[in-house]
């Protein structure tokens, strides 16, 4: 059966509308979203990269620094600015998922986190626990002058102790930047 041109167009538009604005899911093309752009009388789909706001279901994306499983880099969400965290895991801890910020055996241990943030020369770090308590760094932020880590922005070091397992959201705030990194501890 051959479809009439008008009916085929309607079916095509329905498929486009069904995908517009859909969030990236874990395991999909992380950080990609489809949107519609109208540059002429005919709308067209445009694919672009965007940092998807991390949630407890989808912790912040991670990458091994130089292939080192003991030093995962975490890409935070900071709107137009950039936010990176480099985690130095305690000896008995482990990185449970190579693509997301999920860690095991971290509870009660001090974790060193080095941060790179654009848009602010002074920042504040506050972690919110799964039970809703706020947790400030045990030490820091200490500004680092020299570094071999090549992410953009100013660099700071902090030390956090996470007292419970579950979803932790670390907020980063400065003059022109508001960001978050989401970790899941098991």
N, C-alpha and C. Protein backbone atom coordinates (compact mmCIF):
# COMPACT_ATOMS: atom_id res chain seq x y z
N UNK A 1 0.85 -1.18 0.00
CA UNK A 1 0.00 0.00 0.00
C UNK A 1 0.89 1.24 0.00
N UNK A 2 0.63 2.14 -0.90
CA UNK A 2 1.43 3.35 -1.02
C UNK A 2 0.78 4.48 -0.21
N UNK A 3 1.60 5.18 0.61
CA UNK A 3 1.08 6.28 1.41
C UNK A 3 0.99 7.53 0.56
N UNK A 4 -0.03 8.32 0.86
CA UNK A 4 -0.14 9.61 0.18
C UNK A 4 0.94 10.53 0.73
N UNK A 5 1.48 11.44 -0.08
CA UNK A 5 2.55 12.33 0.38
C UNK A 5 2.20 13.07 1.67
N UNK A 6 0.98 13.57 1.81
CA UNK A 6 0.59 14.31 3.01
C UNK A 6 0.61 13.42 4.24
N UNK A 7 0.17 12.18 4.10
CA UNK A 7 0.16 11.25 5.23
C UNK A 7 1.59 10.87 5.63
N UNK A 8 2.47 10.64 4.67
CA UNK A 8 3.87 10.32 4.98
C UNK A 8 4.53 11.48 5.70
N UNK A 9 4.24 12.70 5.27
CA UNK A 9 4.79 13.88 5.92
C UNK A 9 4.31 13.97 7.37
N UNK A 10 3.04 13.70 7.61
CA UNK A 10 2.50 13.73 8.97
C UNK A 10 3.15 12.67 9.86
N UNK A 11 3.35 11.48 9.32
CA UNK A 11 4.00 10.41 10.09
C UNK A 11 5.44 10.81 10.42
N UNK A 12 6.16 11.37 9.45
CA UNK A 12 7.54 11.82 9.67
C UNK A 12 7.60 12.90 10.73
N UNK A 13 6.70 13.87 10.67
CA UNK A 13 6.68 14.93 11.67
C UNK A 13 6.34 14.39 13.05
N UNK A 14 5.45 13.41 13.13
CA UNK A 14 5.11 12.80 14.42
C UNK A 14 6.34 12.13 15.03
N UNK A 15 7.14 11.46 14.21
CA UNK A 15 8.37 10.83 14.71
C UNK A 15 9.36 11.88 15.20
N UNK A 16 9.48 12.97 14.50
CA UNK A 16 10.38 14.05 14.90
C UNK A 16 9.94 14.64 16.23
N UNK A 17 8.65 14.93 16.38
CA UNK A 17 8.13 15.52 17.60
C UNK A 17 8.34 14.57 18.78
N UNK A 18 8.23 13.28 18.56
CA UNK A 18 8.41 12.29 19.63
C UNK A 18 9.84 12.28 20.17
N UNK A 19 10.82 12.69 19.36
CA UNK A 19 12.22 12.65 19.81
C UNK A 19 12.74 13.98 20.27
N UNK A 20 12.06 15.08 20.00
CA UNK A 20 12.57 16.40 20.38
C UNK A 20 12.59 16.54 21.88
N UNK A 21 13.74 17.02 22.39
CA UNK A 21 13.87 17.28 23.81
C UNK A 21 14.10 16.06 24.66
N UNK A 22 14.24 14.89 24.05
CA UNK A 22 14.46 13.70 24.87
C UNK A 22 15.84 13.76 25.49
N UNK A 23 15.93 13.47 26.80
CA UNK A 23 17.19 13.50 27.53
C UNK A 23 18.02 12.29 27.16
N UNK A 24 19.33 12.44 27.23
CA UNK A 24 20.24 11.31 27.02
C UNK A 24 20.11 10.37 28.20
N UNK A 25 20.09 9.07 27.95
CA UNK A 25 20.01 8.07 29.00
C UNK A 25 21.38 7.47 29.21
N UNK A 26 21.62 6.94 30.44
CA UNK A 26 22.91 6.29 30.65
C UNK A 26 23.10 5.19 29.64
N UNK A 27 24.29 5.12 29.06
CA UNK A 27 24.57 4.10 28.06
C UNK A 27 24.27 4.55 26.65
N UNK A 28 23.54 5.67 26.50
CA UNK A 28 23.27 6.18 25.16
C UNK A 28 24.39 7.15 24.80
N UNK A 29 24.19 7.93 23.74
CA UNK A 29 25.20 8.93 23.37
C UNK A 29 25.20 10.00 24.43
N UNK A 30 25.95 9.79 25.49
CA UNK A 30 25.92 10.66 26.66
C UNK A 30 26.14 12.11 26.27
N UNK A 31 25.25 12.96 26.78
CA UNK A 31 25.40 14.38 26.57
C UNK A 31 24.84 14.88 25.25
N UNK A 32 24.17 14.05 24.47
CA UNK A 32 23.60 14.50 23.22
C UNK A 32 22.08 14.61 23.38
N UNK A 33 21.52 15.60 22.71
CA UNK A 33 20.09 15.79 22.72
C UNK A 33 19.68 16.26 21.33
N UNK A 34 18.51 15.85 20.88
CA UNK A 34 18.02 16.30 19.59
C UNK A 34 17.13 17.52 19.81
N UNK A 35 17.28 18.54 18.97
CA UNK A 35 16.42 19.71 19.03
C UNK A 35 16.03 20.09 17.62
N UNK A 36 15.01 20.94 17.52
CA UNK A 36 14.57 21.39 16.21
C UNK A 36 15.01 22.83 16.02
N UNK A 37 15.53 23.12 14.85
CA UNK A 37 15.99 24.47 14.54
C UNK A 37 15.22 24.96 13.32
N UNK A 38 14.75 26.20 13.36
CA UNK A 38 14.04 26.76 12.23
C UNK A 38 14.90 27.87 11.64
N UNK A 39 15.61 27.54 10.55
CA UNK A 39 16.44 28.54 9.89
C UNK A 39 15.80 29.00 8.59
N UNK A 40 14.79 28.29 8.17
CA UNK A 40 14.06 28.67 6.97
C UNK A 40 12.61 28.24 7.18
N UNK A 41 11.84 28.15 6.15
CA UNK A 41 10.45 27.73 6.28
C UNK A 41 10.35 26.26 6.65
N UNK A 42 11.42 25.50 6.45
CA UNK A 42 11.40 24.07 6.75
C UNK A 42 12.23 23.78 8.00
N UNK A 43 11.59 23.25 9.09
CA UNK A 43 12.38 22.92 10.27
C UNK A 43 13.27 21.71 9.99
N UNK A 44 14.42 21.65 10.67
CA UNK A 44 15.29 20.49 10.52
C UNK A 44 15.86 20.12 11.88
N UNK A 45 16.22 18.84 12.02
CA UNK A 45 16.80 18.36 13.27
C UNK A 45 18.28 18.71 13.31
N UNK A 46 18.75 19.14 14.46
CA UNK A 46 20.15 19.48 14.66
C UNK A 46 20.64 18.71 15.88
N UNK A 47 21.81 18.08 15.80
CA UNK A 47 22.39 17.37 16.92
C UNK A 47 23.51 18.23 17.50
N UNK A 48 23.52 18.35 18.84
CA UNK A 48 24.58 19.13 19.45
C UNK A 48 24.96 18.51 20.78
N UNK A 49 26.17 18.81 21.26
CA UNK A 49 26.64 18.33 22.55
C UNK A 49 26.14 19.27 23.63
N UNK A 50 25.70 18.69 24.73
CA UNK A 50 25.34 19.49 25.89
C UNK A 50 25.62 18.67 27.13
N UNK A 51 25.99 19.33 28.19
CA UNK A 51 26.21 18.62 29.45
C UNK A 51 24.84 18.34 30.06
N UNK A 52 24.51 17.09 30.20
CA UNK A 52 23.24 16.71 30.80
C UNK A 52 23.39 16.79 32.31
N UNK A 53 22.46 17.47 32.97
CA UNK A 53 22.52 17.64 34.42
C UNK A 53 22.49 16.26 35.08
N UNK A 54 23.51 15.96 35.91
CA UNK A 54 23.56 14.64 36.54
C UNK A 54 22.49 14.48 37.62
N UNK A 55 22.00 13.28 37.78
CA UNK A 55 21.04 12.94 38.82
C UNK A 55 21.51 11.67 39.50
N UNK A 56 20.79 11.25 40.53
CA UNK A 56 21.18 10.02 41.22
C UNK A 56 21.01 8.80 40.32
N UNK A 57 20.08 8.84 39.40
CA UNK A 57 19.93 7.74 38.44
C UNK A 57 21.04 7.75 37.41
N UNK A 58 21.55 8.93 37.12
CA UNK A 58 22.61 9.08 36.12
C UNK A 58 23.73 9.94 36.70
N UNK A 59 24.63 9.33 37.49
CA UNK A 59 25.71 10.12 38.09
C UNK A 59 26.58 10.78 37.02
N UNK A 60 27.39 11.72 37.46
CA UNK A 60 28.26 12.45 36.54
C UNK A 60 29.12 11.50 35.71
N UNK A 61 29.38 11.85 34.44
CA UNK A 61 30.23 11.00 33.59
C UNK A 61 31.69 11.04 34.04
N UNK A 62 32.39 9.91 33.89
CA UNK A 62 33.79 9.81 34.30
C UNK A 62 34.66 9.28 33.18
N UNK A 63 35.96 9.58 33.31
CA UNK A 63 36.96 9.16 32.33
C UNK A 63 38.24 8.83 33.08
N UNK A 64 38.94 7.76 32.73
CA UNK A 64 40.22 7.47 33.41
C UNK A 64 41.30 8.45 32.95
N UNK A 65 41.95 9.10 33.89
CA UNK A 65 43.03 10.03 33.58
C UNK A 65 44.23 9.22 33.11
N UNK A 66 44.55 9.30 31.85
CA UNK A 66 45.67 8.54 31.30
C UNK A 66 45.53 7.04 31.46
N UNK A 67 44.30 6.55 31.54
CA UNK A 67 44.05 5.13 31.70
C UNK A 67 44.16 4.64 33.13
N UNK A 68 44.37 5.54 34.11
CA UNK A 68 44.56 5.16 35.51
C UNK A 68 43.21 4.98 36.20
N UNK A 69 42.90 3.75 36.61
CA UNK A 69 41.64 3.47 37.29
C UNK A 69 41.62 4.00 38.72
N UNK A 70 42.74 4.45 39.26
CA UNK A 70 42.76 5.01 40.61
C UNK A 70 42.53 6.53 40.59
N UNK A 71 42.49 7.13 39.40
CA UNK A 71 42.32 8.58 39.30
C UNK A 71 41.29 8.94 38.22
N UNK A 72 40.00 8.71 38.51
CA UNK A 72 38.98 9.07 37.52
C UNK A 72 38.73 10.58 37.47
N UNK A 73 38.58 11.07 36.24
CA UNK A 73 38.16 12.46 36.02
C UNK A 73 36.64 12.45 35.93
N UNK A 74 36.01 13.43 36.56
CA UNK A 74 34.55 13.54 36.53
C UNK A 74 34.18 14.84 35.86
N UNK A 75 33.27 14.75 34.88
CA UNK A 75 32.77 15.94 34.19
C UNK A 75 31.54 16.42 34.93
N UNK A 76 31.62 17.62 35.52
CA UNK A 76 30.50 18.18 36.25
C UNK A 76 29.58 18.99 35.34
N UNK A 77 28.46 19.40 35.88
CA UNK A 77 27.50 20.25 35.17
C UNK A 77 27.65 21.66 35.71
N UNK A 78 27.93 22.62 34.81
CA UNK A 78 28.11 24.02 35.24
C UNK A 78 27.58 25.00 34.21
N UNK A 79 26.54 24.64 33.50
CA UNK A 79 25.98 25.55 32.50
C UNK A 79 26.98 25.90 31.43
N UNK A 80 27.25 27.20 31.25
CA UNK A 80 28.19 27.65 30.21
C UNK A 80 29.66 27.52 30.63
N UNK A 81 29.90 27.32 31.91
CA UNK A 81 31.27 27.17 32.41
C UNK A 81 31.67 25.70 32.38
N UNK A 82 32.93 25.41 32.68
CA UNK A 82 33.37 24.02 32.75
C UNK A 82 33.72 23.67 34.19
N UNK A 83 33.44 22.43 34.54
CA UNK A 83 33.70 21.92 35.89
C UNK A 83 34.22 20.50 35.77
N UNK A 84 35.41 20.28 36.31
CA UNK A 84 36.03 18.95 36.33
C UNK A 84 36.48 18.63 37.74
N UNK A 85 36.37 17.37 38.10
CA UNK A 85 36.88 16.88 39.39
C UNK A 85 37.77 15.68 39.11
N UNK A 86 38.92 15.65 39.75
CA UNK A 86 39.85 14.52 39.65
C UNK A 86 39.89 13.87 41.02
N UNK A 87 39.40 12.63 41.09
CA UNK A 87 39.26 11.91 42.35
C UNK A 87 40.49 11.05 42.60
N UNK A 88 41.04 11.17 43.80
CA UNK A 88 42.13 10.28 44.23
C UNK A 88 41.53 9.33 45.26
N UNK A 89 41.24 8.11 44.82
CA UNK A 89 40.55 7.14 45.67
C UNK A 89 41.46 6.59 46.75
N UNK A 90 40.91 6.36 47.95
CA UNK A 90 41.68 5.69 48.99
C UNK A 90 42.06 4.27 48.54
N UNK A 91 43.07 3.68 49.17
CA UNK A 91 43.62 2.40 48.73
C UNK A 91 42.60 1.28 48.60
N UNK A 92 41.70 1.13 49.54
CA UNK A 92 40.76 0.00 49.48
C UNK A 92 39.50 0.29 48.67
N UNK A 93 39.37 1.50 48.16
CA UNK A 93 38.20 1.89 47.38
C UNK A 93 38.34 1.47 45.93
N UNK A 94 37.21 1.48 45.21
CA UNK A 94 37.24 1.08 43.80
C UNK A 94 36.27 1.94 42.99
N UNK A 95 36.60 2.10 41.72
CA UNK A 95 35.75 2.78 40.75
C UNK A 95 34.89 1.69 40.13
N UNK A 96 33.59 1.69 40.41
CA UNK A 96 32.71 0.58 40.05
C UNK A 96 32.23 0.63 38.60
N UNK A 97 32.21 1.79 37.98
CA UNK A 97 31.66 1.93 36.63
C UNK A 97 32.56 2.88 35.85
N UNK A 98 33.14 2.42 34.75
CA UNK A 98 34.11 3.22 34.00
C UNK A 98 33.51 4.47 33.35
N UNK A 99 32.20 4.55 33.23
CA UNK A 99 31.60 5.70 32.55
C UNK A 99 30.84 6.64 33.47
N UNK A 100 30.62 6.24 34.74
CA UNK A 100 29.85 7.07 35.67
C UNK A 100 30.54 7.12 37.03
N UNK A 101 30.23 8.15 37.79
CA UNK A 101 30.86 8.37 39.10
C UNK A 101 30.21 7.48 40.16
N UNK A 102 30.53 6.20 40.11
CA UNK A 102 30.05 5.23 41.09
C UNK A 102 31.28 4.58 41.72
N UNK A 103 31.37 4.66 43.06
CA UNK A 103 32.55 4.18 43.77
C UNK A 103 32.15 3.27 44.92
N UNK A 104 33.00 2.30 45.23
CA UNK A 104 32.74 1.38 46.35
C UNK A 104 33.78 1.58 47.44
N UNK A 105 33.40 1.23 48.66
CA UNK A 105 34.27 1.25 49.84
C UNK A 105 34.93 2.63 50.07
N UNK A 106 34.12 3.68 49.95
CA UNK A 106 34.62 5.04 50.16
C UNK A 106 34.12 5.60 51.50
N UNK A 107 32.99 5.08 52.00
CA UNK A 107 32.37 5.61 53.22
C UNK A 107 33.37 5.66 54.38
N UNK A 108 33.45 6.84 55.01
CA UNK A 108 34.31 7.03 56.16
C UNK A 108 35.77 7.31 55.84
N UNK A 109 36.14 7.23 54.57
CA UNK A 109 37.53 7.48 54.14
C UNK A 109 37.66 8.92 53.65
N UNK A 110 38.84 9.50 53.84
CA UNK A 110 39.08 10.83 53.27
C UNK A 110 39.42 10.69 51.80
N UNK A 111 38.73 11.46 50.97
CA UNK A 111 38.92 11.43 49.53
C UNK A 111 39.45 12.78 49.08
N UNK A 112 40.62 12.78 48.44
CA UNK A 112 41.18 14.01 47.88
C UNK A 112 40.53 14.24 46.52
N UNK A 113 40.03 15.47 46.32
CA UNK A 113 39.43 15.84 45.03
C UNK A 113 40.11 17.12 44.56
N UNK A 114 40.67 17.06 43.35
CA UNK A 114 41.23 18.25 42.71
C UNK A 114 40.19 18.74 41.72
N UNK A 115 39.93 20.04 41.73
CA UNK A 115 38.88 20.65 40.92
C UNK A 115 39.48 21.59 39.90
N UNK A 116 38.87 21.65 38.71
CA UNK A 116 39.15 22.69 37.71
C UNK A 116 37.82 23.34 37.38
N UNK A 117 37.75 24.67 37.55
CA UNK A 117 36.50 25.41 37.34
C UNK A 117 36.80 26.69 36.57
N UNK A 118 36.04 26.95 35.52
CA UNK A 118 36.13 28.23 34.83
C UNK A 118 35.05 29.16 35.37
N UNK A 119 35.25 30.46 35.22
CA UNK A 119 34.22 31.43 35.59
C UNK A 119 34.31 31.94 37.02
N UNK A 120 35.30 31.51 37.79
CA UNK A 120 35.42 32.00 39.16
C UNK A 120 36.86 31.86 39.64
N UNK A 121 37.32 32.88 40.37
CA UNK A 121 38.65 32.79 40.96
C UNK A 121 38.57 32.37 42.43
N UNK A 122 37.39 32.43 43.01
CA UNK A 122 37.15 31.95 44.37
C UNK A 122 35.90 31.09 44.33
N UNK A 123 35.96 29.93 44.94
CA UNK A 123 34.81 29.02 44.91
C UNK A 123 34.55 28.44 46.30
N UNK A 124 33.35 27.91 46.44
CA UNK A 124 32.93 27.23 47.67
C UNK A 124 32.41 25.85 47.28
N UNK A 125 32.76 24.84 48.07
CA UNK A 125 32.34 23.47 47.81
C UNK A 125 31.51 22.98 49.00
N UNK A 126 30.34 22.42 48.72
CA UNK A 126 29.48 21.85 49.75
C UNK A 126 28.87 20.57 49.20
N UNK A 127 28.98 19.50 49.99
CA UNK A 127 28.39 18.22 49.58
C UNK A 127 27.10 18.00 50.36
N UNK A 128 26.09 17.46 49.67
CA UNK A 128 24.82 17.11 50.32
C UNK A 128 24.72 15.59 50.33
N UNK A 129 24.51 15.05 51.53
CA UNK A 129 24.47 13.60 51.71
C UNK A 129 23.13 13.03 51.25
N UNK A 130 23.03 11.69 51.13
CA UNK A 130 21.76 11.07 50.75
C UNK A 130 20.64 11.39 51.76
N UNK A 131 20.99 11.62 53.03
CA UNK A 131 19.97 11.93 54.04
C UNK A 131 19.68 13.43 54.12
N UNK A 132 20.34 14.25 53.27
CA UNK A 132 20.06 15.68 53.21
C UNK A 132 20.98 16.55 54.04
N UNK A 133 21.93 15.96 54.74
CA UNK A 133 22.87 16.76 55.54
C UNK A 133 23.91 17.42 54.64
N UNK A 134 24.38 18.60 55.06
CA UNK A 134 25.45 19.25 54.30
C UNK A 134 26.79 18.87 54.91
N UNK A 135 27.77 18.80 54.06
CA UNK A 135 29.11 18.36 54.44
C UNK A 135 30.10 19.30 53.76
N UNK A 136 30.87 20.04 54.54
CA UNK A 136 31.91 20.90 53.96
C UNK A 136 33.20 20.10 53.90
N UNK A 137 34.16 20.53 53.09
CA UNK A 137 35.41 19.79 53.01
C UNK A 137 36.12 19.72 54.36
N UNK A 138 36.77 18.60 54.62
CA UNK A 138 37.60 18.45 55.83
C UNK A 138 38.76 19.44 55.75
N UNK A 139 39.28 19.65 54.54
CA UNK A 139 40.31 20.66 54.30
C UNK A 139 40.07 21.27 52.92
N UNK A 140 40.58 22.46 52.74
CA UNK A 140 40.43 23.16 51.47
C UNK A 140 39.18 24.03 51.45
N UNK A 141 38.97 24.69 50.34
CA UNK A 141 39.72 24.60 49.10
C UNK A 141 41.08 25.30 49.18
N UNK A 142 42.08 24.61 48.65
CA UNK A 142 43.43 25.15 48.52
C UNK A 142 43.71 25.38 47.05
N UNK A 143 44.04 26.61 46.69
CA UNK A 143 44.33 26.90 45.29
C UNK A 143 45.69 26.31 44.92
N UNK A 144 45.73 25.66 43.76
CA UNK A 144 46.96 25.07 43.24
C UNK A 144 47.54 26.00 42.17
N UNK A 145 48.79 26.37 42.34
CA UNK A 145 49.44 27.25 41.38
C UNK A 145 50.03 26.49 40.20
N UNK A 146 50.71 25.39 40.48
CA UNK A 146 51.35 24.59 39.43
C UNK A 146 50.66 23.23 39.34
N UNK A 147 50.45 22.78 38.11
CA UNK A 147 49.78 21.50 37.93
C UNK A 147 50.10 20.94 36.56
N UNK A 148 50.04 19.63 36.44
CA UNK A 148 50.20 18.99 35.13
C UNK A 148 48.85 18.56 34.57
N UNK A 149 47.77 18.76 35.34
CA UNK A 149 46.43 18.42 34.87
C UNK A 149 45.98 19.51 33.91
N UNK A 150 45.56 19.13 32.72
CA UNK A 150 45.37 20.11 31.64
C UNK A 150 43.93 20.50 31.36
N UNK A 151 43.04 20.40 32.30
CA UNK A 151 41.67 20.88 32.09
C UNK A 151 41.63 22.40 32.27
N UNK A 152 40.65 23.09 31.64
CA UNK A 152 40.60 24.55 31.75
C UNK A 152 40.15 25.04 33.12
N UNK A 153 40.53 26.27 33.45
CA UNK A 153 40.06 26.92 34.66
C UNK A 153 41.08 26.95 35.77
N UNK A 154 40.68 27.57 36.89
CA UNK A 154 41.50 27.61 38.09
C UNK A 154 41.41 26.27 38.80
N UNK A 155 42.48 25.92 39.54
CA UNK A 155 42.53 24.60 40.18
C UNK A 155 42.57 24.73 41.69
N UNK A 156 41.77 23.89 42.37
CA UNK A 156 41.73 23.81 43.83
C UNK A 156 41.80 22.36 44.26
N UNK A 157 42.22 22.16 45.50
CA UNK A 157 42.20 20.84 46.11
C UNK A 157 41.30 20.86 47.33
N UNK A 158 40.55 19.77 47.54
CA UNK A 158 39.72 19.62 48.74
C UNK A 158 39.86 18.19 49.25
N UNK A 159 39.49 18.01 50.51
CA UNK A 159 39.43 16.68 51.10
C UNK A 159 38.07 16.48 51.72
N UNK A 160 37.31 15.51 51.25
CA UNK A 160 35.98 15.22 51.79
C UNK A 160 35.99 13.86 52.47
N UNK A 161 35.19 13.74 53.53
CA UNK A 161 34.90 12.45 54.15
C UNK A 161 33.39 12.22 53.97
N UNK A 162 33.04 11.17 53.27
CA UNK A 162 31.64 10.84 53.01
C UNK A 162 31.19 9.82 54.06
N UNK A 163 30.26 10.21 54.91
CA UNK A 163 29.89 9.40 56.08
C UNK A 163 28.82 8.33 55.80
N UNK A 164 28.23 8.34 54.62
CA UNK A 164 27.21 7.33 54.31
C UNK A 164 27.22 6.99 52.83
N UNK A 165 26.73 5.81 52.51
CA UNK A 165 26.61 5.40 51.11
C UNK A 165 25.35 6.02 50.51
N UNK A 166 25.32 6.07 49.19
CA UNK A 166 24.17 6.61 48.48
C UNK A 166 24.60 7.72 47.54
N UNK A 167 23.65 8.57 47.19
CA UNK A 167 23.87 9.63 46.22
C UNK A 167 24.33 10.91 46.91
N UNK A 168 25.49 11.41 46.52
CA UNK A 168 26.05 12.66 47.03
C UNK A 168 26.10 13.67 45.90
N UNK A 169 25.67 14.89 46.19
CA UNK A 169 25.75 16.00 45.22
C UNK A 169 26.69 17.05 45.79
N UNK A 170 27.80 17.28 45.09
CA UNK A 170 28.76 18.29 45.53
C UNK A 170 28.52 19.55 44.70
N UNK A 171 28.11 20.62 45.39
CA UNK A 171 27.83 21.89 44.73
C UNK A 171 29.09 22.75 44.73
N UNK A 172 29.31 23.41 43.61
CA UNK A 172 30.43 24.32 43.45
C UNK A 172 29.83 25.68 43.10
N UNK A 173 30.18 26.70 43.89
CA UNK A 173 29.63 28.02 43.60
C UNK A 173 30.73 29.06 43.67
N UNK A 174 30.62 30.01 42.77
CA UNK A 174 31.56 31.12 42.69
C UNK A 174 30.85 32.33 42.11
N UNK A 175 31.62 33.34 41.77
CA UNK A 175 31.03 34.59 41.29
C UNK A 175 30.15 34.40 40.06
N UNK A 176 30.65 33.69 39.04
CA UNK A 176 29.88 33.50 37.81
C UNK A 176 29.56 32.04 37.52
N UNK A 177 29.74 31.16 38.49
CA UNK A 177 29.55 29.74 38.22
C UNK A 177 28.75 29.08 39.33
N UNK A 178 27.82 28.23 38.92
CA UNK A 178 27.08 27.34 39.81
C UNK A 178 27.17 25.98 39.16
N UNK A 179 27.72 25.00 39.86
CA UNK A 179 27.87 23.69 39.26
C UNK A 179 27.62 22.58 40.25
N UNK A 180 27.56 21.36 39.72
CA UNK A 180 27.34 20.20 40.55
C UNK A 180 28.01 18.97 39.96
N UNK A 181 28.51 18.14 40.87
CA UNK A 181 29.02 16.81 40.53
C UNK A 181 28.23 15.83 41.36
N UNK A 182 27.73 14.77 40.75
CA UNK A 182 26.95 13.76 41.46
C UNK A 182 27.71 12.45 41.52
N UNK A 183 27.89 11.94 42.75
CA UNK A 183 28.58 10.68 42.99
C UNK A 183 27.62 9.68 43.62
N UNK A 184 27.77 8.43 43.32
CA UNK A 184 27.04 7.37 44.01
C UNK A 184 28.07 6.50 44.71
N UNK A 185 27.90 6.34 46.01
CA UNK A 185 28.81 5.53 46.81
C UNK A 185 28.09 4.27 47.26
N UNK A 186 28.77 3.13 47.10
CA UNK A 186 28.17 1.85 47.50
C UNK A 186 29.02 1.19 48.56
